[in-house]
Amino acid sequence: MEDVARSRAFYLRVLGPFGYRLLRDFGAEAAGLGTEQYAVLGLVRSPPGFPSTHLAFRVDSHAEVERFHAEALAAGGRDNGAPGLRPHYHPHYFAGFVLDPDGHNLEVVCHAP
């Protein structure tokens, strides 16, 4: 990420409803988010042009997929696939996709019917 502060704010807003919080803060250089004692998502400053990545988060319901997608868009993310079934993966694969402020693809998926 080019701007750790911007990414920190984005991810806290988007993942906060799912219990994620800021666990480690290294200012403009890095931040760590997680749901318990240890950070499971590291946001680290990268040089411009650093390759993007795909992150997937599993949730328990279709409503949570829809909530994540809507919150990500409200926080400044860009739509990369509205919430819906993706039966080409499997019959119950319900996912939504958003690009974060640095262009990383975020997927939130529910595998339950």
PDB file of N, CA and C in Angstrom:
ATOM      1  N   MET A   1       0.827  -1.167   0.000  1.00  0.00           N
ATOM      2  CA  MET A   1       0.000   0.000   0.000  1.00  0.00           C
ATOM      3  C   MET A   1       0.879   1.240   0.000  1.00  0.00           C
ATOM      4  N   GLU A   2       0.430   2.199  -0.738  1.00  0.00           N
ATOM      5  CA  GLU A   2       1.206   3.431  -0.833  1.00  0.00           C
ATOM      6  C   GLU A   2       0.941   4.352   0.355  1.00  0.00           C
ATOM      7  N   ASP A   3      -0.261   4.328   0.896  1.00  0.00           N
ATOM      8  CA  ASP A   3      -0.641   5.225   1.990  1.00  0.00           C
ATOM      9  C   ASP A   3      -1.236   4.378   3.126  1.00  0.00           C
ATOM     10  N   VAL A   4      -0.412   4.065   4.109  1.00  0.00           N
ATOM     11  CA  VAL A   4      -0.843   3.184   5.203  1.00  0.00           C
ATOM     12  C   VAL A   4      -1.992   3.809   5.995  1.00  0.00           C
ATOM     13  N   ALA A   5      -1.960   5.111   6.215  1.00  0.00           N
ATOM     14  CA  ALA A   5      -3.039   5.759   6.977  1.00  0.00           C
ATOM     15  C   ALA A   5      -4.383   5.606   6.258  1.00  0.00           C
ATOM     16  N   ARG A   6      -4.374   5.820   4.956  1.00  0.00           N
ATOM     17  CA  ARG A   6      -5.613   5.669   4.171  1.00  0.00           C
ATOM     18  C   ARG A   6      -6.094   4.223   4.219  1.00  0.00           C
ATOM     19  N   SER A   7      -5.164   3.284   4.054  1.00  0.00           N
ATOM     20  CA  SER A   7      -5.532   1.863   4.082  1.00  0.00           C
ATOM     21  C   SER A   7      -6.003   1.441   5.464  1.00  0.00           C
ATOM     22  N   ARG A   8      -5.353   1.940   6.525  1.00  0.00           N
ATOM     23  CA  ARG A   8      -5.764   1.630   7.897  1.00  0.00           C
ATOM     24  C   ARG A   8      -7.212   2.052   8.105  1.00  0.00           C
ATOM     25  N   ALA A   9      -7.551   3.272   7.716  1.00  0.00           N
ATOM     26  CA  ALA A   9      -8.916   3.776   7.886  1.00  0.00           C
ATOM     27  C   ALA A   9      -9.909   2.934   7.081  1.00  0.00           C
ATOM     28  N   PHE A  10      -9.553   2.596   5.846  1.00  0.00           N
ATOM     29  CA  PHE A  10     -10.428   1.799   4.994  1.00  0.00           C
ATOM     30  C   PHE A  10     -10.693   0.428   5.613  1.00  0.00           C
ATOM     31  N   TYR A  11      -9.624  -0.284   5.977  1.00  0.00           N
ATOM     32  CA  TYR A  11      -9.789  -1.646   6.496  1.00  0.00           C
ATOM     33  C   TYR A  11     -10.459  -1.672   7.873  1.00  0.00           C
ATOM     34  N   LEU A  12     -10.194  -0.693   8.706  1.00  0.00           N
ATOM     35  CA  LEU A  12     -10.885  -0.657  10.006  1.00  0.00           C
ATOM     36  C   LEU A  12     -12.381  -0.453   9.812  1.00  0.00           C
ATOM     37  N   ARG A  13     -12.749   0.401   8.868  1.00  0.00           N
ATOM     38  CA  ARG A  13     -14.172   0.639   8.617  1.00  0.00           C
ATOM     39  C   ARG A  13     -14.831  -0.606   8.018  1.00  0.00           C
ATOM     40  N   VAL A  14     -14.151  -1.249   7.073  1.00  0.00           N
ATOM     41  CA  VAL A  14     -14.733  -2.388   6.375  1.00  0.00           C
ATOM     42  C   VAL A  14     -14.735  -3.655   7.230  1.00  0.00           C
ATOM     43  N   LEU A  15     -13.662  -3.879   7.982  1.00  0.00           N
ATOM     44  CA  LEU A  15     -13.557  -5.112   8.772  1.00  0.00           C
ATOM     45  C   LEU A  15     -14.009  -4.949  10.219  1.00  0.00           C
ATOM     46  N   GLY A  16     -14.159  -3.719  10.686  1.00  0.00           N
ATOM     47  CA  GLY A  16     -14.607  -3.473  12.061  1.00  0.00           C
ATOM     48  C   GLY A  16     -15.898  -4.186  12.427  1.00  0.00           C
ATOM     49  N   PRO A  17     -16.912  -4.178  11.546  1.00  0.00           N
ATOM     50  CA  PRO A  17     -18.151  -4.886  11.875  1.00  0.00           C
ATOM     51  C   PRO A  17     -17.971  -6.388  12.068  1.00  0.00           C
ATOM     52  N   PHE A  18     -16.847  -6.930  11.639  1.00  0.00           N
ATOM     53  CA  PHE A  18     -16.577  -8.359  11.769  1.00  0.00           C
ATOM     54  C   PHE A  18     -15.591  -8.653  12.899  1.00  0.00           C
ATOM     55  N   GLY A  19     -15.371  -7.648  13.752  1.00  0.00           N
ATOM     56  CA  GLY A  19     -14.551  -7.851  14.935  1.00  0.00           C
ATOM     57  C   GLY A  19     -13.090  -7.507  14.795  1.00  0.00           C
ATOM     58  N   TYR A  20     -12.661  -7.075  13.625  1.00  0.00           N
ATOM     59  CA  TYR A  20     -11.253  -6.686  13.449  1.00  0.00           C
ATOM     60  C   TYR A  20     -11.013  -5.330  14.098  1.00  0.00           C
ATOM     61  N   ARG A  21      -9.818  -5.192  14.688  1.00  0.00           N
ATOM     62  CA  ARG A  21      -9.439  -3.912  15.291  1.00  0.00           C
ATOM     63  C   ARG A  21      -7.940  -3.712  15.097  1.00  0.00           C
ATOM     64  N   LEU A  22      -7.494  -2.506  15.323  1.00  0.00           N
ATOM     65  CA  LEU A  22      -6.083  -2.189  15.190  1.00  0.00           C
ATOM     66  C   LEU A  22      -5.330  -2.766  16.384  1.00  0.00           C
ATOM     67  N   LEU A  23      -4.386  -3.660  16.114  1.00  0.00           N
ATOM     68  CA  LEU A  23      -3.617  -4.293  17.177  1.00  0.00           C
ATOM     69  C   LEU A  23      -2.168  -3.819  17.204  1.00  0.00           C
ATOM     70  N   ARG A  24      -1.638  -3.408  16.076  1.00  0.00           N
ATOM     71  CA  ARG A  24      -0.271  -2.900  15.979  1.00  0.00           C
ATOM     72  C   ARG A  24      -0.295  -1.670  15.089  1.00  0.00           C
ATOM     73  N   ASP A  25       0.387  -0.607  15.512  1.00  0.00           N
ATOM     74  CA  ASP A  25       0.409   0.623  14.725  1.00  0.00           C
ATOM     75  C   ASP A  25       1.829   1.149  14.658  1.00  0.00           C
ATOM     76  N   PHE A  26       2.351   1.216  13.451  1.00  0.00           N
ATOM     77  CA  PHE A  26       3.700   1.725  13.225  1.00  0.00           C
ATOM     78  C   PHE A  26       3.651   2.960  12.333  1.00  0.00           C
ATOM     79  N   GLY A  27       2.639   3.795  12.562  1.00  0.00           N
ATOM     80  CA  GLY A  27       2.520   5.061  11.853  1.00  0.00           C
ATOM     81  C   GLY A  27       2.402   4.894  10.357  1.00  0.00           C
ATOM     82  N   ALA A  28       3.219   5.641   9.610  1.00  0.00           N
ATOM     83  CA  ALA A  28       3.159   5.653   8.156  1.00  0.00           C
ATOM     84  C   ALA A  28       3.770   4.397   7.532  1.00  0.00           C
ATOM     85  N   GLU A  29       4.398   3.557   8.338  1.00  0.00           N
ATOM     86  CA  GLU A  29       5.093   2.390   7.795  1.00  0.00           C
ATOM     87  C   GLU A  29       4.261   1.116   7.774  1.00  0.00           C
ATOM     88  N   ALA A  30       3.453   0.884   8.800  1.00  0.00           N
ATOM     89  CA  ALA A  30       2.726  -0.382   8.861  1.00  0.00           C
ATOM     90  C   ALA A  30       1.647  -0.343   9.937  1.00  0.00           C
ATOM     91  N   ALA A  31       0.700  -1.272   9.814  1.00  0.00           N
ATOM     92  CA  ALA A  31      -0.347  -1.463  10.813  1.00  0.00           C
ATOM     93  C   ALA A  31      -0.751  -2.928  10.776  1.00  0.00           C
ATOM     94  N   GLY A  32      -1.210  -3.441  11.908  1.00  0.00           N
ATOM     95  CA  GLY A  32      -1.671  -4.825  11.989  1.00  0.00           C
ATOM     96  C   GLY A  32      -3.077  -4.874  12.547  1.00  0.00           C
ATOM     97  N   LEU A  33      -3.967  -5.564  11.869  1.00  0.00           N
ATOM     98  CA  LEU A  33      -5.349  -5.721  12.297  1.00  0.00           C
ATOM     99  C   LEU A  33      -5.616  -7.181  12.605  1.00  0.00           C
ATOM    100  N   GLY A  34      -6.500  -7.418  13.554  1.00  0.00           N
ATOM    101  CA  GLY A  34      -6.886  -8.771  13.903  1.00  0.00           C
ATOM    102  C   GLY A  34      -8.117  -8.767  14.763  1.00  0.00           C
ATOM    103  N   THR A  35      -8.550  -9.963  15.154  1.00  0.00           N
ATOM    104  CA  THR A  35      -9.751 -10.100  15.968  1.00  0.00           C
ATOM    105  C   THR A  35      -9.422 -10.496  17.398  1.00  0.00           C
ATOM    106  N   GLU A  36      -8.197 -10.883  17.628  1.00  0.00           N
ATOM    107  CA  GLU A  36      -7.821 -11.307  18.971  1.00  0.00           C
ATOM    108  C   GLU A  36      -6.529 -10.641  19.374  1.00  0.00           C
ATOM    109  N   GLN A  37      -5.620 -11.373  19.899  1.00  0.00           N
ATOM    110  CA  GLN A  37      -4.376 -10.834  20.427  1.00  0.00           C
ATOM    111  C   GLN A  37      -3.350 -10.533  19.341  1.00  0.00           C
ATOM    112  N   TYR A  38      -3.387 -11.281  18.236  1.00  0.00           N
ATOM    113  CA  TYR A  38      -2.362 -11.160  17.209  1.00  0.00           C
ATOM    114  C   TYR A  38      -2.945 -10.625  15.906  1.00  0.00           C
ATOM    115  N   ALA A  39      -2.178  -9.796  15.248  1.00  0.00           N
ATOM    116  CA  ALA A  39      -2.592  -9.266  13.952  1.00  0.00           C
ATOM    117  C   ALA A  39      -2.568 -10.378  12.910  1.00  0.00           C
ATOM    118  N   VAL A  40      -3.604 -10.443  12.103  1.00  0.00           N
ATOM    119  CA  VAL A  40      -3.664 -11.432  11.033  1.00  0.00           C
ATOM    120  C   VAL A  40      -3.659 -10.764   9.653  1.00  0.00           C
ATOM    121  N   LEU A  41      -3.782  -9.450   9.627  1.00  0.00           N
ATOM    122  CA  LEU A  41      -3.706  -8.702   8.378  1.00  0.00           C
ATOM    123  C   LEU A  41      -2.692  -7.587   8.574  1.00  0.00           C
ATOM    124  N   GLY A  42      -1.620  -7.644   7.836  1.00  0.00           N
ATOM    125  CA  GLY A  42      -0.588  -6.618   7.914  1.00  0.00           C
ATOM    126  C   GLY A  42      -0.709  -5.658   6.753  1.00  0.00           C
ATOM    127  N   LEU A  43      -0.725  -4.371   7.083  1.00  0.00           N
ATOM    128  CA  LEU A  43      -0.734  -3.324   6.067  1.00  0.00           C
ATOM    129  C   LEU A  43       0.645  -2.681   6.105  1.00  0.00           C
ATOM    130  N   VAL A  44       1.402  -2.835   5.062  1.00  0.00           N
ATOM    131  CA  VAL A  44       2.795  -2.385   5.040  1.00  0.00           C
ATOM    132  C   VAL A  44       3.002  -1.462   3.847  1.00  0.00           C
ATOM    133  N   ARG A  45       3.662  -0.333   4.101  1.00  0.00           N
ATOM    134  CA  ARG A  45       3.933   0.622   3.025  1.00  0.00           C
ATOM    135  C   ARG A  45       4.787  -0.047   1.965  1.00  0.00           C
ATOM    136  N   SER A  46       4.377   0.126   0.709  1.00  0.00           N
ATOM    137  CA  SER A  46       5.087  -0.445  -0.430  1.00  0.00           C
ATOM    138  C   SER A  46       5.388   0.672  -1.421  1.00  0.00           C
ATOM    139  N   PRO A  47       6.379   0.487  -2.243  1.00  0.00           N
ATOM    140  CA  PRO A  47       6.685   1.507  -3.248  1.00  0.00           C
ATOM    141  C   PRO A  47       5.579   1.599  -4.296  1.00  0.00           C
ATOM    142  N   PRO A  48       5.427   2.758  -4.939  1.00  0.00           N
ATOM    143  CA  PRO A  48       4.435   2.882  -6.011  1.00  0.00           C
ATOM    144  C   PRO A  48       4.669   1.801  -7.072  1.00  0.00           C
ATOM    145  N   GLY A  49       3.579   1.276  -7.607  1.00  0.00           N
ATOM    146  CA  GLY A  49       3.678   0.259  -8.636  1.00  0.00           C
ATOM    147  C   GLY A  49       3.844  -1.153  -8.123  1.00  0.00           C
ATOM    148  N   PHE A  50       3.814  -1.330  -6.802  1.00  0.00           N
ATOM    149  CA  PHE A  50       3.932  -2.674  -6.226  1.00  0.00           C
ATOM    150  C   PHE A  50       2.759  -3.511  -6.719  1.00  0.00           C
ATOM    151  N   PRO A  51       2.972  -4.763  -7.098  1.00  0.00           N
ATOM    152  CA  PRO A  51       1.875  -5.588  -7.649  1.00  0.00           C
ATOM    153  C   PRO A  51       0.702  -5.722  -6.673  1.00  0.00           C
ATOM    154  N   SER A  52      -0.491  -5.737  -7.232  1.00  0.00           N
ATOM    155  CA  SER A  52      -1.681  -5.898  -6.394  1.00  0.00           C
ATOM    156  C   SER A  52      -1.844  -7.364  -6.014  1.00  0.00           C
ATOM    157  N   THR A  53      -2.763  -7.592  -5.086  1.00  0.00           N
ATOM    158  CA  THR A  53      -2.999  -8.944  -4.582  1.00  0.00           C
ATOM    159  C   THR A  53      -4.495  -9.185  -4.450  1.00  0.00           C
ATOM    160  N   HIS A  54      -4.862 -10.407  -4.134  1.00  0.00           N
ATOM    161  CA  HIS A  54      -6.255 -10.799  -3.921  1.00  0.00           C
ATOM    162  C   HIS A  54      -6.358 -11.336  -2.496  1.00  0.00           C
ATOM    163  N   LEU A  55      -7.228 -10.723  -1.695  1.00  0.00           N
ATOM    164  CA  LEU A  55      -7.474 -11.183  -0.327  1.00  0.00           C
ATOM    165  C   LEU A  55      -8.916 -11.673  -0.242  1.00  0.00           C
ATOM    166  N   ALA A  56      -9.123 -12.814   0.388  1.00  0.00           N
ATOM    167  CA  ALA A  56     -10.470 -13.354   0.545  1.00  0.00           C
ATOM    168  C   ALA A  56     -10.776 -13.528   2.026  1.00  0.00           C
ATOM    169  N   PHE A  57     -11.968 -13.120   2.420  1.00  0.00           N
ATOM    170  CA  PHE A  57     -12.440 -13.243   3.795  1.00  0.00           C
ATOM    171  C   PHE A  57     -13.720 -14.067   3.775  1.00  0.00           C
ATOM    172  N   ARG A  58     -13.783 -15.087   4.627  1.00  0.00           N
ATOM    173  CA  ARG A  58     -14.973 -15.928   4.720  1.00  0.00           C
ATOM    174  C   ARG A  58     -15.888 -15.390   5.807  1.00  0.00           C
ATOM    175  N   VAL A  59     -17.168 -15.312   5.512  1.00  0.00           N
ATOM    176  CA  VAL A  59     -18.183 -14.907   6.484  1.00  0.00           C
ATOM    177  C   VAL A  59     -19.262 -15.984   6.524  1.00  0.00           C
ATOM    178  N   ASP A  60     -20.203 -15.839   7.438  1.00  0.00           N
ATOM    179  CA  ASP A  60     -21.172 -16.902   7.690  1.00  0.00           C
ATOM    180  C   ASP A  60     -22.524 -16.741   6.999  1.00  0.00           C
ATOM    181  N   SER A  61     -22.780 -15.587   6.365  1.00  0.00           N
ATOM    182  CA  SER A  61     -24.101 -15.400   5.760  1.00  0.00           C
ATOM    183  C   SER A  61     -24.022 -14.515   4.519  1.00  0.00           C
ATOM    184  N   HIS A  62     -25.039 -14.635   3.688  1.00  0.00           N
ATOM    185  CA  HIS A  62     -25.150 -13.785   2.504  1.00  0.00           C
ATOM    186  C   HIS A  62     -25.286 -12.324   2.925  1.00  0.00           C
ATOM    187  N   ALA A  63     -26.009 -12.076   4.018  1.00  0.00           N
ATOM    188  CA  ALA A  63     -26.184 -10.701   4.508  1.00  0.00           C
ATOM    189  C   ALA A  63     -24.838 -10.074   4.873  1.00  0.00           C
ATOM    190  N   GLU A  64     -23.921 -10.868   5.423  1.00  0.00           N
ATOM    191  CA  GLU A  64     -22.608 -10.334   5.768  1.00  0.00           C
ATOM    192  C   GLU A  64     -21.793 -10.017   4.506  1.00  0.00           C
ATOM    193  N   VAL A  65     -21.954 -10.812   3.462  1.00  0.00           N
ATOM    194  CA  VAL A  65     -21.299 -10.502   2.185  1.00  0.00           C
ATOM    195  C   VAL A  65     -21.814  -9.155   1.676  1.00  0.00           C
ATOM    196  N   GLU A  66     -23.119  -8.992   1.703  1.00  0.00           N
ATOM    197  CA  GLU A  66     -23.729  -7.749   1.227  1.00  0.00           C
ATOM    198  C   GLU A  66     -23.300  -6.561   2.080  1.00  0.00           C
ATOM    199  N   ARG A  67     -23.235  -6.759   3.382  1.00  0.00           N
ATOM    200  CA  ARG A  67     -22.822  -5.680   4.293  1.00  0.00           C
ATOM    201  C   ARG A  67     -21.372  -5.276   4.027  1.00  0.00           C
ATOM    202  N   PHE A  68     -20.472  -6.257   3.912  1.00  0.00           N
ATOM    203  CA  PHE A  68     -19.064  -5.987   3.635  1.00  0.00           C
ATOM    204  C   PHE A  68     -18.927  -5.200   2.334  1.00  0.00           C
ATOM    205  N   HIS A  69     -19.590  -5.663   1.287  1.00  0.00           N
ATOM    206  CA  HIS A  69     -19.502  -5.020  -0.021  1.00  0.00           C
ATOM    207  C   HIS A  69     -19.985  -3.574   0.060  1.00  0.00           C
ATOM    208  N   ALA A  70     -21.135  -3.349   0.682  1.00  0.00           N
ATOM    209  CA  ALA A  70     -21.682  -2.000   0.804  1.00  0.00           C
ATOM    210  C   ALA A  70     -20.765  -1.102   1.629  1.00  0.00           C
ATOM    211  N   GLU A  71     -20.236  -1.616   2.720  1.00  0.00           N
ATOM    212  CA  GLU A  71     -19.351  -0.826   3.581  1.00  0.00           C
ATOM    213  C   GLU A  71     -18.060  -0.481   2.850  1.00  0.00           C
ATOM    214  N   ALA A  72     -17.532  -1.428   2.090  1.00  0.00           N
ATOM    215  CA  ALA A  72     -16.303  -1.173   1.331  1.00  0.00           C
ATOM    216  C   ALA A  72     -16.526  -0.082   0.291  1.00  0.00           C
ATOM    217  N   LEU A  73     -17.661  -0.102  -0.388  1.00  0.00           N
ATOM    218  CA  LEU A  73     -17.957   0.949  -1.363  1.00  0.00           C
ATOM    219  C   LEU A  73     -18.118   2.299  -0.668  1.00  0.00           C
ATOM    220  N   ALA A  74     -18.800   2.311   0.468  1.00  0.00           N
ATOM    221  CA  ALA A  74     -18.984   3.562   1.212  1.00  0.00           C
ATOM    222  C   ALA A  74     -17.661   4.115   1.738  1.00  0.00           C
ATOM    223  N   ALA A  75     -16.694   3.224   1.962  1.00  0.00           N
ATOM    224  CA  ALA A  75     -15.388   3.644   2.488  1.00  0.00           C
ATOM    225  C   ALA A  75     -14.421   4.060   1.377  1.00  0.00           C
ATOM    226  N   GLY A  76     -14.867   4.025   0.133  1.00  0.00           N
ATOM    227  CA  GLY A  76     -14.010   4.455  -0.965  1.00  0.00           C
ATOM    228  C   GLY A  76     -13.506   3.351  -1.862  1.00  0.00           C
ATOM    229  N   GLY A  77     -13.936   2.111  -1.613  1.00  0.00           N
ATOM    230  CA  GLY A  77     -13.554   1.017  -2.499  1.00  0.00           C
ATOM    231  C   GLY A  77     -14.313   1.107  -3.814  1.00  0.00           C
ATOM    232  N   ARG A  78     -13.856   0.367  -4.807  1.00  0.00           N
ATOM    233  CA  ARG A  78     -14.499   0.342  -6.125  1.00  0.00           C
ATOM    234  C   ARG A  78     -15.060  -1.050  -6.383  1.00  0.00           C
ATOM    235  N   ASP A  79     -16.282  -1.077  -6.879  1.00  0.00           N
ATOM    236  CA  ASP A  79     -16.946  -2.347  -7.156  1.00  0.00           C
ATOM    237  C   ASP A  79     -16.131  -3.175  -8.146  1.00  0.00           C
ATOM    238  N   ASN A  80     -15.981  -4.462  -7.830  1.00  0.00           N
ATOM    239  CA  ASN A  80     -15.290  -5.382  -8.729  1.00  0.00           C
ATOM    240  C   ASN A  80     -16.095  -6.676  -8.882  1.00  0.00           C
ATOM    241  N   GLY A  81     -17.382  -6.594  -8.553  1.00  0.00           N
ATOM    242  CA  GLY A  81     -18.270  -7.758  -8.647  1.00  0.00           C
ATOM    243  C   GLY A  81     -19.292  -7.719  -7.534  1.00  0.00           C
ATOM    244  N   ALA A  82     -20.521  -7.402  -7.864  1.00  0.00           N
ATOM    245  CA  ALA A  82     -21.587  -7.285  -6.860  1.00  0.00           C
ATOM    246  C   ALA A  82     -21.817  -8.622  -6.158  1.00  0.00           C
ATOM    247  N   PRO A  83     -22.330  -8.572  -4.933  1.00  0.00           N
ATOM    248  CA  PRO A  83     -22.640  -9.809  -4.221  1.00  0.00           C
ATOM    249  C   PRO A  83     -23.610 -10.679  -5.025  1.00  0.00           C
ATOM    250  N   GLY A  84     -23.314 -11.959  -5.046  1.00  0.00           N
ATOM    251  CA  GLY A  84     -24.181 -12.889  -5.751  1.00  0.00           C
ATOM    252  C   GLY A  84     -23.571 -14.276  -5.799  1.00  0.00           C
ATOM    253  N   LEU A  85     -24.367 -15.207  -6.295  1.00  0.00           N
ATOM    254  CA  LEU A  85     -23.899 -16.587  -6.432  1.00  0.00           C
ATOM    255  C   LEU A  85     -22.866 -16.681  -7.554  1.00  0.00           C
ATOM    256  N   ARG A  86     -21.858 -17.510  -7.330  1.00  0.00           N
ATOM    257  CA  ARG A  86     -20.843 -17.841  -8.337  1.00  0.00           C
ATOM    258  C   ARG A  86     -20.846 -19.363  -8.480  1.00  0.00           C
ATOM    259  N   PRO A  87     -21.894 -19.929  -9.126  1.00  0.00           N
ATOM    260  CA  PRO A  87     -22.044 -21.385  -9.182  1.00  0.00           C
ATOM    261  C   PRO A  87     -20.931 -22.097  -9.955  1.00  0.00           C
ATOM    262  N   HIS A  88     -20.138 -21.366 -10.717  1.00  0.00           N
ATOM    263  CA  HIS A  88     -19.022 -22.010 -11.414  1.00  0.00           C
ATOM    264  C   HIS A  88     -17.930 -22.442 -10.426  1.00  0.00           C
ATOM    265  N   TYR A  89     -17.946 -21.902  -9.174  1.00  0.00           N
ATOM    266  CA  TYR A  89     -17.038 -22.382  -8.128  1.00  0.00           C
ATOM    267  C   TYR A  89     -17.656 -23.565  -7.397  1.00  0.00           C
ATOM    268  N   HIS A  90     -18.872 -23.372  -6.892  1.00  0.00           N
ATOM    269  CA  HIS A  90     -19.709 -24.445  -6.350  1.00  0.00           C
ATOM    270  C   HIS A  90     -21.111 -23.884  -6.146  1.00  0.00           C
ATOM    271  N   PRO A  91     -22.133 -24.717  -5.980  1.00  0.00           N
ATOM    272  CA  PRO A  91     -23.521 -24.245  -5.980  1.00  0.00           C
ATOM    273  C   PRO A  91     -23.865 -23.192  -4.925  1.00  0.00           C
ATOM    274  N   HIS A  92     -23.130 -23.124  -3.817  1.00  0.00           N
ATOM    275  CA  HIS A  92     -23.476 -22.195  -2.741  1.00  0.00           C
ATOM    276  C   HIS A  92     -22.469 -21.059  -2.581  1.00  0.00           C
ATOM    277  N   TYR A  93     -21.566 -20.894  -3.544  1.00  0.00           N
ATOM    278  CA  TYR A  93     -20.508 -19.885  -3.454  1.00  0.00           C
ATOM    279  C   TYR A  93     -21.126 -18.511  -3.678  1.00  0.00           C
ATOM    280  N   PHE A  94     -21.317 -17.754  -2.591  1.00  0.00           N
ATOM    281  CA  PHE A  94     -21.928 -16.425  -2.634  1.00  0.00           C
ATOM    282  C   PHE A  94     -20.847 -15.426  -2.258  1.00  0.00           C
ATOM    283  N   ALA A  95     -20.482 -14.548  -3.187  1.00  0.00           N
ATOM    284  CA  ALA A  95     -19.344 -13.654  -2.945  1.00  0.00           C
ATOM    285  C   ALA A  95     -19.591 -12.270  -3.531  1.00  0.00           C
ATOM    286  N   GLY A  96     -18.822 -11.312  -3.020  1.00  0.00           N
ATOM    287  CA  GLY A  96     -18.773  -9.966  -3.557  1.00  0.00           C
ATOM    288  C   GLY A  96     -17.313  -9.537  -3.625  1.00  0.00           C
ATOM    289  N   PHE A  97     -17.006  -8.639  -4.561  1.00  0.00           N
ATOM    290  CA  PHE A  97     -15.626  -8.229  -4.791  1.00  0.00           C
ATOM    291  C   PHE A  97     -15.520  -6.704  -4.845  1.00  0.00           C
ATOM    292  N   VAL A  98     -14.457  -6.181  -4.237  1.00  0.00           N
ATOM    293  CA  VAL A  98     -14.199  -4.739  -4.202  1.00  0.00           C
ATOM    294  C   VAL A  98     -12.705  -4.527  -4.358  1.00  0.00           C
ATOM    295  N   LEU A  99     -12.335  -3.446  -5.059  1.00  0.00           N
ATOM    296  CA  LEU A  99     -10.939  -3.033  -5.112  1.00  0.00           C
ATOM    297  C   LEU A  99     -10.702  -2.011  -4.009  1.00  0.00           C
ATOM    298  N   ASP A 100      -9.678  -2.228  -3.182  1.00  0.00           N
ATOM    299  CA  ASP A 100      -9.369  -1.279  -2.107  1.00  0.00           C
ATOM    300  C   ASP A 100      -8.710  -0.029  -2.702  1.00  0.00           C
ATOM    301  N   PRO A 101      -8.383   0.976  -1.880  1.00  0.00           N
ATOM    302  CA  PRO A 101      -7.815   2.214  -2.415  1.00  0.00           C
ATOM    303  C   PRO A 101      -6.519   2.038  -3.203  1.00  0.00           C
ATOM    304  N   ASP A 102      -5.803   0.933  -3.004  1.00  0.00           N
ATOM    305  CA  ASP A 102      -4.570   0.679  -3.749  1.00  0.00           C
ATOM    306  C   ASP A 102      -4.770  -0.293  -4.903  1.00  0.00           C
ATOM    307  N   GLY A 103      -6.008  -0.705  -5.163  1.00  0.00           N
ATOM    308  CA  GLY A 103      -6.289  -1.595  -6.269  1.00  0.00           C
ATOM    309  C   GLY A 103      -6.206  -3.077  -5.948  1.00  0.00           C
ATOM    310  N   HIS A 104      -6.081  -3.421  -4.665  1.00  0.00           N
ATOM    311  CA  HIS A 104      -6.066  -4.831  -4.272  1.00  0.00           C
ATOM    312  C   HIS A 104      -7.494  -5.370  -4.315  1.00  0.00           C
ATOM    313  N   ASN A 105      -7.658  -6.570  -4.829  1.00  0.00           N
ATOM    314  CA  ASN A 105      -8.969  -7.189  -4.947  1.00  0.00           C
ATOM    315  C   ASN A 105      -9.364  -7.848  -3.628  1.00  0.00           C
ATOM    316  N   LEU A 106     -10.469  -7.407  -3.054  1.00  0.00           N
ATOM    317  CA  LEU A 106     -10.992  -7.992  -1.817  1.00  0.00           C
ATOM    318  C   LEU A 106     -12.221  -8.811  -2.155  1.00  0.00           C
ATOM    319  N   GLU A 107     -12.232 -10.021  -1.686  1.00  0.00           N
ATOM    320  CA  GLU A 107     -13.368 -10.898  -1.869  1.00  0.00           C
ATOM    321  C   GLU A 107     -13.916 -11.251  -0.502  1.00  0.00           C
ATOM    322  N   VAL A 108     -15.220 -11.232  -0.378  1.00  0.00           N
ATOM    323  CA  VAL A 108     -15.863 -11.748   0.830  1.00  0.00           C
ATOM    324  C   VAL A 108     -16.823 -12.817   0.364  1.00  0.00           C
ATOM    325  N   VAL A 109     -16.734 -13.986   1.018  1.00  0.00           N
ATOM    326  CA  VAL A 109     -17.456 -15.141   0.508  1.00  0.00           C
ATOM    327  C   VAL A 109     -18.157 -15.903   1.637  1.00  0.00           C
ATOM    328  N   CYS A 110     -19.333 -16.411   1.301  1.00  0.00           N
ATOM    329  CA  CYS A 110     -20.085 -17.302   2.176  1.00  0.00           C
ATOM    330  C   CYS A 110     -20.293 -18.602   1.408  1.00  0.00           C
ATOM    331  N   HIS A 111     -19.990 -19.726   2.052  1.00  0.00           N
ATOM    332  CA  HIS A 111     -20.140 -21.036   1.414  1.00  0.00           C
ATOM    333  C   HIS A 111     -21.435 -21.734   1.827  1.00  0.00           C
ATOM    334  N   ALA A 112     -22.211 -21.127   2.707  1.00  0.00           N
ATOM    335  CA  ALA A 112     -23.452 -21.743   3.184  1.00  0.00           C
ATOM    336  C   ALA A 112     -24.590 -21.517   2.194  1.00  0.00           C
ATOM    337  N   PRO A 113     -25.540 -22.431   2.162  1.00  0.00           N
ATOM    338  CA  PRO A 113     -26.707 -22.247   1.267  1.00  0.00           C
ATOM    339  C   PRO A 113     -27.559 -21.054   1.675  1.00  0.00           C
TER     340      PRO A 113
END
